[in-house]
Amino acid sequence: LVGNFGEQLLINHVLLTAFGLIMTSWGFQYYYQVSENYIFILEFIALFLLLRFSFEFIPHSTQLKSLSALALSVFMAEIHWSLSFLPFHYSALAIISFCLFYAIWSLYHYALFNTVTAKRVQFYLLFALLAIVVVVSVTPWTILG
């Protein structure tokens, strides 16, 4: 029971911190007109450190944990870049980005424990897709320029 509580606490900590990092990076890009290259680099470094920490207690080699954190960080930087072309408010883009992070990080986490199943993949992908559809459907579109 205590071990399960500790794992849930770690998962919640990682998700809340990731949400804060993603929302902050989108906010800086929106309000301060900081170059996207700086935002991508800072988000990449922050997420890599967070993900590397989150994978620390998984019973695999250090190289595999670092490579997994690196791959997910690069993927999230690519998601941030591709979402930056959408004409939404930064908060909607941050929520979409976080939904994708949540689904992918959860599947990575379960895959490193060798407990990923088809039902889990289906659940996380459908949950992320549903959340993204809700966010896109209620978000007003803005004119870029």
Protein backbone atom coordinates (compact mmCIF):
# COMPACT_ATOMS: atom_id res chain seq x y z
CA LEU A 1 0.00 0.00 0.00
CA VAL A 2 2.78 2.45 0.86
CA GLY A 3 4.72 1.62 -2.31
CA ASN A 4 1.62 2.14 -4.44
CA PHE A 5 0.99 5.50 -2.73
CA GLY A 6 4.59 6.55 -3.41
CA GLU A 7 4.25 5.69 -7.08
CA GLN A 8 1.00 7.67 -7.36
CA LEU A 9 2.63 10.61 -5.60
CA LEU A 10 5.54 10.52 -8.09
CA ILE A 11 3.15 10.33 -11.05
CA ASN A 12 1.10 13.27 -9.75
CA HIS A 13 4.25 15.29 -9.09
CA VAL A 14 5.58 14.68 -12.59
CA LEU A 15 2.25 15.52 -14.23
CA LEU A 16 1.73 18.74 -12.26
CA THR A 17 5.30 19.87 -12.90
CA ALA A 18 5.03 19.03 -16.60
CA PHE A 19 1.77 20.95 -16.86
CA GLY A 20 3.43 23.96 -15.25
CA LEU A 21 6.44 23.75 -17.56
CA ILE A 22 4.33 23.39 -20.68
CA MET A 23 1.95 26.20 -19.70
CA THR A 24 4.88 28.46 -18.81
CA SER A 25 6.68 27.85 -22.10
CA TRP A 26 3.54 28.64 -24.11
CA GLY A 27 2.87 31.71 -21.96
CA PHE A 28 6.39 33.06 -22.43
CA GLN A 29 6.09 32.58 -26.16
CA TYR A 30 2.73 34.37 -26.22
CA TYR A 31 3.28 37.28 -23.82
CA TYR A 32 6.97 38.06 -24.14
CA GLN A 33 7.42 37.29 -27.85
CA VAL A 34 10.51 35.23 -27.04
CA SER A 35 12.05 33.48 -30.03
CA GLU A 36 10.60 30.02 -30.56
CA ASN A 37 14.09 28.53 -30.74
CA TYR A 38 14.80 29.59 -27.16
CA ILE A 39 11.46 28.26 -26.00
CA PHE A 40 12.05 24.90 -27.69
CA ILE A 41 15.51 24.57 -26.14
CA LEU A 42 14.35 25.56 -22.65
CA GLU A 43 11.31 23.29 -22.81
CA PHE A 44 13.46 20.44 -24.08
CA ILE A 45 15.99 20.82 -21.25
CA ALA A 46 13.34 21.20 -18.54
CA LEU A 47 11.30 18.24 -19.75
CA PHE A 48 14.41 16.09 -20.16
CA LEU A 49 15.43 16.72 -16.56
CA LEU A 50 11.91 16.08 -15.30
CA LEU A 51 11.53 12.89 -17.32
CA ARG A 52 14.95 11.62 -16.34
CA PHE A 53 13.96 12.13 -12.70
CA SER A 54 10.64 10.37 -13.24
CA PHE A 55 12.35 7.33 -14.74
CA GLU A 56 14.92 7.09 -11.93
CA PHE A 57 13.05 4.45 -9.94
CA ILE A 58 12.38 2.17 -12.89
CA PRO A 59 14.54 -0.97 -12.79
CA HIS A 60 16.45 -0.48 -16.05
CA SER A 61 19.89 0.71 -17.02
CA THR A 62 20.81 4.37 -16.78
CA GLN A 63 21.41 4.47 -20.52
CA LEU A 64 17.90 3.22 -21.33
CA LYS A 65 16.28 5.67 -18.90
CA SER A 66 18.28 8.58 -20.33
CA LEU A 67 17.50 7.55 -23.89
CA SER A 68 13.78 7.28 -23.08
CA ALA A 69 13.78 10.74 -21.50
CA LEU A 70 15.68 12.13 -24.47
CA ALA A 71 13.28 10.62 -27.00
CA LEU A 72 10.20 11.89 -25.18
CA SER A 73 11.73 15.36 -24.75
CA VAL A 74 12.53 15.61 -28.46
CA PHE A 75 9.04 14.44 -29.31
CA MET A 76 7.48 17.06 -27.03
CA ALA A 77 9.62 19.80 -28.59
CA GLU A 78 8.37 18.68 -32.00
CA ILE A 79 4.78 18.73 -30.75
CA HIS A 80 5.32 22.26 -29.43
CA TRP A 81 6.71 23.35 -32.79
CA SER A 82 3.87 21.81 -34.79
CA LEU A 83 1.17 23.19 -32.48
CA SER A 84 2.64 26.68 -32.73
CA PHE A 85 1.11 26.98 -36.21
CA LEU A 86 -2.45 26.63 -34.90
CA PRO A 87 -4.44 29.84 -34.39
CA PHE A 88 -5.43 29.11 -30.77
CA HIS A 89 -4.81 30.91 -27.52
CA TYR A 90 -1.68 29.80 -25.70
CA SER A 91 -3.69 28.14 -22.91
CA ALA A 92 -5.50 25.88 -25.37
CA LEU A 93 -2.23 24.98 -27.07
CA ALA A 94 -0.69 24.20 -23.68
CA ILE A 95 -3.60 21.94 -22.75
CA ILE A 96 -3.39 20.11 -26.07
CA SER A 97 0.35 19.72 -25.64
CA PHE A 98 -0.11 18.46 -22.08
CA CYS A 99 -2.75 15.92 -23.15
CA LEU A 100 -0.29 14.47 -25.65
CA PHE A 101 2.46 14.50 -23.02
CA TYR A 102 0.20 12.71 -20.54
CA ALA A 103 -0.72 9.95 -22.97
CA ILE A 104 2.81 9.40 -24.25
CA TRP A 105 4.53 9.64 -20.86
CA SER A 106 2.04 7.23 -19.29
CA LEU A 107 2.59 4.70 -22.05
CA TYR A 108 6.38 5.10 -21.73
CA HIS A 109 6.10 4.61 -17.99
CA TYR A 110 4.09 1.41 -18.33
CA ALA A 111 6.28 0.15 -21.17
CA LEU A 112 9.42 0.51 -19.05
CA PHE A 113 7.72 -1.59 -16.35
CA ASN A 114 6.62 -4.11 -19.04
CA THR A 115 2.97 -3.67 -18.02
CA VAL A 116 1.61 -1.98 -21.13
CA THR A 117 -1.44 -3.69 -22.60
CA ALA A 118 -3.65 -3.02 -25.58
CA LYS A 119 -6.42 -1.80 -23.26
CA ARG A 120 -4.08 0.73 -21.63
CA VAL A 121 -2.92 2.03 -25.00
CA GLN A 122 -6.51 2.32 -26.15
CA PHE A 123 -7.57 4.08 -22.94
CA TYR A 124 -4.78 6.68 -22.92
CA LEU A 125 -5.04 7.46 -26.62
CA LEU A 126 -8.82 7.77 -26.50
CA PHE A 127 -8.63 9.90 -23.34
CA ALA A 128 -6.11 12.26 -24.94
CA LEU A 129 -8.10 12.40 -28.17
CA LEU A 130 -11.34 13.14 -26.32
CA ALA A 131 -9.69 15.88 -24.25
CA ILE A 132 -8.15 17.45 -27.37
CA VAL A 133 -11.49 17.36 -29.22
CA VAL A 134 -13.20 19.07 -26.27
CA VAL A 135 -10.49 21.75 -26.06
CA VAL A 136 -10.52 22.44 -29.80
CA SER A 137 -14.31 22.55 -29.95
CA VAL A 138 -14.64 25.16 -27.16
CA THR A 139 -11.61 27.29 -28.08
CA PRO A 140 -12.19 30.43 -30.12
CA TRP A 141 -9.94 30.76 -33.12
CA THR A 142 -7.74 33.86 -33.34
CA ILE A 143 -6.28 35.67 -36.31
CA LEU A 144 -2.52 35.31 -36.53
CA GLY A 145 -0.46 38.21 -37.55
